[in-house]
Amino acid sequence: MRHTAPAVEVGATVKAKPAPKADKLARTSDKELTATAGKAFAEDAVEIKATYRGELAAGVAVTATMVTNDPQRPVENDKGPYFKDPAATGHDGDKPVRTLTGLTTDANGLLKLPKIYTDAHSGTFLLRLTTADGAVLTVKLKVAAPAGS
């Protein structure tokens, strides 16, 4: 004997997993970052660690921006160090960009930034790393004038 039951409607709410948080960003090395104008910084020169309440923070979104040296209102710089546009292809692949978004820390809370290049300007420049939670790390990038200039 087979019985059938009427269909029952069940309501459910699915909540998205909260975005990973970080309350502190720190460099993994204290080595001074220097390059010669027109050249690039060492491969993987900038690596950072993100933590939340002292624990490693995996999957944290980070924005990297080359900023002016104005402590009151740092804005994106238009000269000095830059990244190559990851979305550009062909001869546009060398297009300088000074803000990178969509960067995330790995399972160990680490983030290695892409290679950083320099233009013809020398001096001390700032790289500002920020998270949506307000964690900020400012890194000094020193660019020396080419020899003989």
N, C-alpha and C. Protein backbone atom coordinates (compact mmCIF):
# COMPACT_ATOMS: atom_id res chain seq x y z
N MET A 1 0.84 -1.16 0.00
CA MET A 1 0.00 0.00 0.00
C MET A 1 0.89 1.24 0.00
N ARG A 2 0.59 2.14 -0.86
CA ARG A 2 1.40 3.33 -1.05
C ARG A 2 0.59 4.55 -0.65
N HIS A 3 1.25 5.47 0.16
CA HIS A 3 0.57 6.69 0.60
C HIS A 3 1.27 7.91 0.02
N THR A 4 0.54 8.87 -0.31
CA THR A 4 1.13 10.14 -0.75
C THR A 4 0.76 11.21 0.25
N ALA A 5 1.71 12.12 0.44
CA ALA A 5 1.47 13.22 1.37
C ALA A 5 1.49 14.52 0.60
N PRO A 6 0.74 15.49 1.06
CA PRO A 6 0.75 16.78 0.36
C PRO A 6 2.12 17.45 0.53
N ALA A 7 2.50 18.26 -0.46
CA ALA A 7 3.77 18.98 -0.41
C ALA A 7 3.73 20.00 0.72
N VAL A 8 4.87 20.18 1.35
CA VAL A 8 4.99 21.13 2.45
C VAL A 8 6.01 22.19 2.04
N GLU A 9 5.66 23.45 2.22
CA GLU A 9 6.58 24.53 1.88
C GLU A 9 7.40 24.87 3.12
N VAL A 10 8.72 24.92 2.95
CA VAL A 10 9.60 25.23 4.07
C VAL A 10 10.39 26.49 3.72
N GLY A 11 10.39 27.45 4.60
CA GLY A 11 11.15 28.68 4.37
C GLY A 11 12.54 28.55 4.98
N ALA A 12 13.53 29.12 4.31
CA ALA A 12 14.89 29.09 4.84
C ALA A 12 15.61 30.37 4.43
N THR A 13 16.51 30.79 5.28
CA THR A 13 17.33 31.96 4.98
C THR A 13 18.78 31.53 4.97
N VAL A 14 19.46 31.86 3.91
CA VAL A 14 20.88 31.53 3.80
C VAL A 14 21.67 32.82 3.96
N LYS A 15 22.57 32.82 4.92
CA LYS A 15 23.40 34.00 5.15
C LYS A 15 24.78 33.76 4.56
N ALA A 16 25.28 34.78 3.88
CA ALA A 16 26.63 34.68 3.32
C ALA A 16 27.64 34.66 4.46
N LYS A 17 28.71 33.95 4.24
CA LYS A 17 29.79 33.91 5.21
C LYS A 17 30.35 35.32 5.33
N PRO A 18 30.60 35.79 6.55
CA PRO A 18 31.12 37.15 6.69
C PRO A 18 32.48 37.29 6.00
N ALA A 19 32.72 38.47 5.46
CA ALA A 19 33.99 38.72 4.78
C ALA A 19 35.12 38.62 5.80
N PRO A 20 36.25 38.04 5.39
CA PRO A 20 37.39 37.97 6.32
C PRO A 20 37.81 39.38 6.74
N LYS A 21 38.25 39.50 7.98
CA LYS A 21 38.64 40.80 8.52
C LYS A 21 40.11 40.80 8.89
N ALA A 22 40.68 42.00 8.89
CA ALA A 22 42.05 42.18 9.38
C ALA A 22 42.09 43.49 10.14
N ASP A 23 42.73 43.49 11.31
CA ASP A 23 42.88 44.73 12.05
C ASP A 23 44.33 45.21 12.05
N LYS A 24 45.22 44.42 11.42
CA LYS A 24 46.62 44.83 11.36
C LYS A 24 47.27 44.27 10.10
N LEU A 25 48.06 45.12 9.45
CA LEU A 25 48.89 44.72 8.32
C LEU A 25 50.34 45.01 8.70
N ALA A 26 51.25 44.10 8.37
CA ALA A 26 52.66 44.31 8.67
C ALA A 26 53.51 43.68 7.57
N ARG A 27 54.64 44.30 7.29
CA ARG A 27 55.58 43.69 6.34
C ARG A 27 56.21 42.47 6.98
N THR A 28 56.57 41.50 6.16
CA THR A 28 57.22 40.30 6.67
C THR A 28 58.74 40.47 6.73
N SER A 29 59.23 41.60 6.21
CA SER A 29 60.66 41.90 6.22
C SER A 29 60.84 43.37 6.57
N ASP A 30 61.97 43.69 7.20
CA ASP A 30 62.24 45.10 7.48
C ASP A 30 63.31 45.65 6.53
N LYS A 31 63.60 44.89 5.48
CA LYS A 31 64.59 45.30 4.49
C LYS A 31 64.12 46.57 3.77
N GLU A 32 65.05 47.54 3.64
CA GLU A 32 64.73 48.77 2.93
C GLU A 32 64.44 48.46 1.47
N LEU A 33 63.42 49.09 0.92
CA LEU A 33 63.02 48.85 -0.46
C LEU A 33 63.60 49.95 -1.34
N THR A 34 64.58 49.58 -2.17
CA THR A 34 65.22 50.55 -3.04
C THR A 34 65.32 50.01 -4.46
N ALA A 35 65.27 50.93 -5.42
CA ALA A 35 65.45 50.59 -6.83
C ALA A 35 66.05 51.82 -7.51
N THR A 36 66.56 51.62 -8.71
CA THR A 36 67.09 52.73 -9.51
C THR A 36 65.99 53.18 -10.46
N ALA A 37 65.89 54.49 -10.66
CA ALA A 37 64.88 55.03 -11.58
C ALA A 37 64.98 54.34 -12.93
N GLY A 38 63.82 53.98 -13.48
CA GLY A 38 63.76 53.28 -14.76
C GLY A 38 63.91 51.77 -14.65
N LYS A 39 64.13 51.28 -13.46
CA LYS A 39 64.28 49.83 -13.22
C LYS A 39 63.11 49.35 -12.36
N ALA A 40 63.18 48.09 -11.94
CA ALA A 40 62.13 47.52 -11.09
C ALA A 40 62.70 47.18 -9.72
N PHE A 41 61.82 47.12 -8.74
CA PHE A 41 62.22 46.62 -7.43
C PHE A 41 62.40 45.11 -7.55
N ALA A 42 63.08 44.51 -6.59
CA ALA A 42 63.30 43.07 -6.60
C ALA A 42 61.95 42.34 -6.70
N GLU A 43 61.96 41.20 -7.36
CA GLU A 43 60.75 40.37 -7.49
C GLU A 43 60.21 40.08 -6.10
N ASP A 44 58.91 40.16 -5.92
CA ASP A 44 58.28 39.91 -4.63
C ASP A 44 58.89 40.75 -3.51
N ALA A 45 59.22 42.02 -3.81
CA ALA A 45 59.86 42.90 -2.83
C ALA A 45 58.97 43.18 -1.64
N VAL A 46 57.67 43.27 -1.87
CA VAL A 46 56.75 43.61 -0.78
C VAL A 46 55.86 42.41 -0.48
N GLU A 47 56.00 41.90 0.73
CA GLU A 47 55.12 40.84 1.22
C GLU A 47 54.58 41.32 2.56
N ILE A 48 53.29 41.16 2.75
CA ILE A 48 52.67 41.58 4.00
C ILE A 48 51.93 40.42 4.66
N LYS A 49 51.69 40.61 5.95
CA LYS A 49 50.93 39.63 6.73
C LYS A 49 49.74 40.37 7.33
N ALA A 50 48.56 39.78 7.20
CA ALA A 50 47.35 40.35 7.78
C ALA A 50 46.94 39.51 8.99
N THR A 51 46.57 40.20 10.06
CA THR A 51 46.10 39.49 11.25
C THR A 51 44.81 40.14 11.75
N TYR A 52 44.04 39.35 12.46
CA TYR A 52 42.82 39.84 13.11
C TYR A 52 42.83 39.32 14.54
N ARG A 53 42.90 40.25 15.49
CA ARG A 53 42.97 39.90 16.91
C ARG A 53 44.13 38.95 17.19
N GLY A 54 45.26 39.20 16.51
CA GLY A 54 46.47 38.43 16.74
C GLY A 54 46.57 37.12 15.96
N GLU A 55 45.50 36.74 15.26
CA GLU A 55 45.50 35.51 14.48
C GLU A 55 45.67 35.82 13.00
N LEU A 56 46.32 34.93 12.26
CA LEU A 56 46.47 35.13 10.82
C LEU A 56 45.11 35.27 10.16
N ALA A 57 45.01 36.17 9.20
CA ALA A 57 43.74 36.46 8.55
C ALA A 57 43.81 36.09 7.07
N ALA A 58 43.21 34.96 6.72
CA ALA A 58 43.20 34.47 5.33
C ALA A 58 42.04 35.09 4.56
N GLY A 59 42.24 35.33 3.27
CA GLY A 59 41.17 35.79 2.40
C GLY A 59 40.78 37.25 2.55
N VAL A 60 41.65 38.05 3.16
CA VAL A 60 41.35 39.47 3.38
C VAL A 60 41.64 40.25 2.10
N ALA A 61 40.69 41.08 1.70
CA ALA A 61 40.86 41.93 0.52
C ALA A 61 41.74 43.11 0.88
N VAL A 62 42.73 43.37 0.02
CA VAL A 62 43.68 44.46 0.24
C VAL A 62 43.75 45.31 -1.02
N THR A 63 43.82 46.62 -0.83
CA THR A 63 44.03 47.55 -1.94
C THR A 63 45.41 48.16 -1.77
N ALA A 64 46.18 48.19 -2.85
CA ALA A 64 47.53 48.77 -2.84
C ALA A 64 47.50 50.02 -3.72
N THR A 65 47.92 51.16 -3.14
CA THR A 65 47.89 52.42 -3.87
C THR A 65 49.20 53.18 -3.66
N MET A 66 49.81 53.62 -4.74
CA MET A 66 50.96 54.52 -4.66
C MET A 66 50.39 55.90 -4.37
N VAL A 67 50.76 56.49 -3.23
CA VAL A 67 50.16 57.75 -2.81
C VAL A 67 51.19 58.87 -2.68
N THR A 68 50.67 60.09 -2.67
CA THR A 68 51.51 61.27 -2.46
C THR A 68 51.94 61.32 -1.00
N ASN A 69 52.91 62.16 -0.72
CA ASN A 69 53.48 62.24 0.62
C ASN A 69 52.75 63.26 1.50
N ASP A 70 51.46 63.41 1.33
CA ASP A 70 50.66 64.34 2.13
C ASP A 70 49.98 63.55 3.24
N PRO A 71 50.47 63.68 4.49
CA PRO A 71 49.91 62.88 5.58
C PRO A 71 48.45 63.19 5.89
N GLN A 72 48.01 64.42 5.58
CA GLN A 72 46.62 64.79 5.85
C GLN A 72 45.65 64.20 4.83
N ARG A 73 46.11 64.14 3.58
CA ARG A 73 45.22 63.67 2.51
C ARG A 73 46.02 62.99 1.40
N PRO A 74 46.50 61.79 1.67
CA PRO A 74 47.26 61.11 0.62
C PRO A 74 46.33 60.71 -0.53
N VAL A 75 46.71 61.07 -1.74
CA VAL A 75 45.94 60.70 -2.92
C VAL A 75 46.86 59.93 -3.87
N GLU A 76 46.26 59.27 -4.84
CA GLU A 76 47.04 58.48 -5.79
C GLU A 76 48.08 59.36 -6.47
N ASN A 77 49.31 58.87 -6.46
CA ASN A 77 50.41 59.58 -7.08
C ASN A 77 50.34 59.42 -8.59
N ASP A 78 50.88 60.39 -9.33
CA ASP A 78 50.88 60.28 -10.79
C ASP A 78 52.29 60.11 -11.33
N LYS A 79 53.25 59.88 -10.44
CA LYS A 79 54.63 59.64 -10.87
C LYS A 79 55.29 58.69 -9.88
N GLY A 80 56.46 58.19 -10.26
CA GLY A 80 57.19 57.28 -9.37
C GLY A 80 56.81 55.83 -9.60
N PRO A 81 56.96 55.01 -8.55
CA PRO A 81 56.71 53.57 -8.68
C PRO A 81 55.29 53.26 -9.14
N TYR A 82 55.17 52.13 -9.83
CA TYR A 82 53.87 51.71 -10.34
C TYR A 82 53.85 50.19 -10.55
N PHE A 83 52.66 49.67 -10.75
CA PHE A 83 52.44 48.28 -11.14
C PHE A 83 52.11 48.28 -12.62
N LYS A 84 52.30 47.15 -13.27
CA LYS A 84 51.82 47.02 -14.65
C LYS A 84 50.37 46.58 -14.58
N ASP A 85 49.55 47.13 -15.46
CA ASP A 85 48.11 46.83 -15.47
C ASP A 85 47.90 45.35 -15.75
N PRO A 86 47.36 44.60 -14.76
CA PRO A 86 47.16 43.17 -14.97
C PRO A 86 46.10 42.85 -16.02
N ALA A 87 45.23 43.81 -16.33
CA ALA A 87 44.16 43.56 -17.30
C ALA A 87 44.60 43.91 -18.72
N ALA A 88 45.69 44.64 -18.86
CA ALA A 88 46.15 45.07 -20.19
C ALA A 88 46.87 43.93 -20.89
N THR A 89 46.75 43.91 -22.22
CA THR A 89 47.42 42.89 -23.02
C THR A 89 48.17 43.56 -24.16
N GLY A 90 49.01 42.80 -24.84
CA GLY A 90 49.75 43.34 -25.97
C GLY A 90 50.68 44.45 -25.54
N HIS A 91 50.87 45.45 -26.41
CA HIS A 91 51.79 46.53 -26.04
C HIS A 91 51.23 47.41 -24.92
N ASP A 92 49.93 47.29 -24.62
CA ASP A 92 49.35 47.99 -23.49
C ASP A 92 49.67 47.30 -22.17
N GLY A 93 50.30 46.12 -22.24
CA GLY A 93 50.64 45.36 -21.03
C GLY A 93 51.60 46.09 -20.12
N ASP A 94 52.28 47.13 -20.63
CA ASP A 94 53.20 47.90 -19.80
C ASP A 94 52.55 49.15 -19.23
N LYS A 95 51.25 49.27 -19.39
CA LYS A 95 50.53 50.45 -18.92
C LYS A 95 50.67 50.55 -17.39
N PRO A 96 51.20 51.68 -16.90
CA PRO A 96 51.35 51.83 -15.45
C PRO A 96 50.00 52.04 -14.76
N VAL A 97 49.83 51.37 -13.65
CA VAL A 97 48.69 51.62 -12.77
C VAL A 97 49.23 51.83 -11.37
N ARG A 98 48.61 52.73 -10.65
CA ARG A 98 49.13 53.04 -9.32
C ARG A 98 48.17 52.62 -8.20
N THR A 99 47.08 51.94 -8.58
CA THR A 99 46.18 51.34 -7.60
C THR A 99 45.82 49.95 -8.07
N LEU A 100 45.99 48.98 -7.18
CA LEU A 100 45.57 47.60 -7.47
C LEU A 100 44.50 47.21 -6.45
N THR A 101 43.38 46.70 -6.97
CA THR A 101 42.33 46.18 -6.11
C THR A 101 42.21 44.68 -6.39
N GLY A 102 41.41 44.00 -5.60
CA GLY A 102 41.19 42.57 -5.84
C GLY A 102 42.32 41.70 -5.32
N LEU A 103 43.23 42.26 -4.55
CA LEU A 103 44.30 41.47 -3.94
C LEU A 103 43.74 40.82 -2.67
N THR A 104 44.12 39.57 -2.41
CA THR A 104 43.67 38.91 -1.18
C THR A 104 44.80 38.12 -0.55
N THR A 105 44.75 38.04 0.76
CA THR A 105 45.77 37.26 1.48
C THR A 105 45.50 35.77 1.27
N ASP A 106 46.58 34.98 1.33
CA ASP A 106 46.45 33.54 1.13
C ASP A 106 46.01 32.85 2.43
N ALA A 107 46.04 31.52 2.45
CA ALA A 107 45.58 30.74 3.60
C ALA A 107 46.39 31.04 4.86
N ASN A 108 47.62 31.56 4.68
CA ASN A 108 48.47 31.88 5.82
C ASN A 108 48.43 33.37 6.17
N GLY A 109 47.48 34.11 5.58
CA GLY A 109 47.36 35.53 5.87
C GLY A 109 48.42 36.38 5.18
N LEU A 110 49.11 35.80 4.18
CA LEU A 110 50.19 36.50 3.49
C LEU A 110 49.74 37.00 2.12
N LEU A 111 50.36 38.09 1.68
CA LEU A 111 50.11 38.64 0.36
C LEU A 111 51.43 39.14 -0.21
N LYS A 112 51.82 38.58 -1.35
CA LYS A 112 52.99 39.08 -2.08
C LYS A 112 52.48 39.97 -3.18
N LEU A 113 52.92 41.22 -3.18
CA LEU A 113 52.48 42.15 -4.21
C LEU A 113 53.17 41.84 -5.53
N PRO A 114 52.51 42.17 -6.63
CA PRO A 114 53.15 42.00 -7.94
C PRO A 114 54.39 42.90 -8.02
N LYS A 115 55.22 42.63 -9.01
CA LYS A 115 56.44 43.39 -9.21
C LYS A 115 56.13 44.88 -9.34
N ILE A 116 56.99 45.69 -8.71
CA ILE A 116 56.83 47.14 -8.73
C ILE A 116 57.92 47.72 -9.63
N TYR A 117 57.51 48.58 -10.56
CA TYR A 117 58.42 49.21 -11.51
C TYR A 117 58.57 50.69 -11.16
N THR A 118 59.59 51.34 -11.75
CA THR A 118 59.78 52.77 -11.53
C THR A 118 59.83 53.50 -12.86
N ASP A 119 59.45 54.77 -12.81
CA ASP A 119 59.60 55.61 -14.00
C ASP A 119 60.90 56.40 -13.84
N ALA A 120 61.04 57.52 -14.47
CA ALA A 120 62.29 58.29 -14.45
C ALA A 120 62.46 59.14 -13.19
N HIS A 121 61.47 59.19 -12.31
CA HIS A 121 61.53 60.04 -11.12
C HIS A 121 62.25 59.33 -9.97
N SER A 122 63.15 60.06 -9.31
CA SER A 122 63.81 59.51 -8.12
C SER A 122 63.24 60.20 -6.88
N GLY A 123 63.51 59.61 -5.72
CA GLY A 123 63.02 60.16 -4.45
C GLY A 123 62.41 59.07 -3.60
N THR A 124 61.74 59.48 -2.53
CA THR A 124 61.06 58.54 -1.65
C THR A 124 59.57 58.62 -1.94
N PHE A 125 58.99 57.47 -2.19
CA PHE A 125 57.57 57.38 -2.54
C PHE A 125 56.87 56.48 -1.52
N LEU A 126 55.56 56.57 -1.47
CA LEU A 126 54.79 55.80 -0.50
C LEU A 126 53.82 54.85 -1.18
N LEU A 127 53.78 53.64 -0.65
CA LEU A 127 52.82 52.62 -1.06
C LEU A 127 51.90 52.42 0.13
N ARG A 128 50.60 52.62 -0.09
CA ARG A 128 49.63 52.50 1.00
C ARG A 128 48.77 51.26 0.77
N LEU A 129 48.76 50.37 1.77
CA LEU A 129 47.97 49.15 1.72
C LEU A 129 46.83 49.30 2.71
N THR A 130 45.60 49.04 2.24
CA THR A 130 44.44 49.22 3.10
C THR A 130 43.48 48.03 2.98
N THR A 131 42.71 47.82 4.05
CA THR A 131 41.64 46.82 4.03
C THR A 131 40.31 47.53 4.24
N ALA A 132 39.23 46.85 3.95
CA ALA A 132 37.90 47.42 4.12
C ALA A 132 37.62 47.73 5.59
N ASP A 133 38.31 47.04 6.50
CA ASP A 133 38.11 47.24 7.93
C ASP A 133 38.91 48.42 8.48
N GLY A 134 39.70 49.06 7.62
CA GLY A 134 40.45 50.23 8.05
C GLY A 134 41.88 49.97 8.46
N ALA A 135 42.37 48.74 8.34
CA ALA A 135 43.78 48.49 8.63
C ALA A 135 44.60 49.14 7.51
N VAL A 136 45.66 49.86 7.90
CA VAL A 136 46.48 50.59 6.94
C VAL A 136 47.96 50.32 7.23
N LEU A 137 48.71 50.11 6.17
CA LEU A 137 50.17 49.99 6.27
C LEU A 137 50.76 50.86 5.17
N THR A 138 51.69 51.75 5.54
CA THR A 138 52.36 52.59 4.56
C THR A 138 53.80 52.13 4.46
N VAL A 139 54.25 51.86 3.23
CA VAL A 139 55.58 51.35 2.97
C VAL A 139 56.35 52.38 2.16
N LYS A 140 57.60 52.67 2.58
CA LYS A 140 58.45 53.61 1.85
C LYS A 140 59.18 52.87 0.73
N LEU A 141 59.15 53.48 -0.45
CA LEU A 141 59.87 52.96 -1.60
C LEU A 141 60.87 54.03 -2.04
N LYS A 142 62.15 53.69 -1.97
CA LYS A 142 63.17 54.66 -2.32
C LYS A 142 63.65 54.39 -3.75
N VAL A 143 63.67 55.43 -4.56
CA VAL A 143 64.09 55.33 -5.95
C VAL A 143 65.31 56.24 -6.13
N ALA A 144 66.45 55.63 -6.46
CA ALA A 144 67.69 56.38 -6.65
C ALA A 144 67.83 56.82 -8.09
N ALA A 145 68.48 57.96 -8.29
CA ALA A 145 68.75 58.44 -9.65
C ALA A 145 69.75 57.48 -10.29
N PRO A 146 69.68 57.27 -11.60
CA PRO A 146 70.62 56.39 -12.26
C PRO A 146 72.05 56.92 -12.09
N ALA A 147 73.03 56.04 -12.07
CA ALA A 147 74.43 56.44 -11.92
C ALA A 147 74.82 57.38 -13.05
N GLY A 148 75.56 58.42 -12.70
CA GLY A 148 76.04 59.34 -13.71
C GLY A 148 75.04 60.44 -14.07
N SER A 149 73.93 60.54 -13.36
CA SER A 149 72.97 61.59 -13.71
C SER A 149 73.05 62.72 -12.73
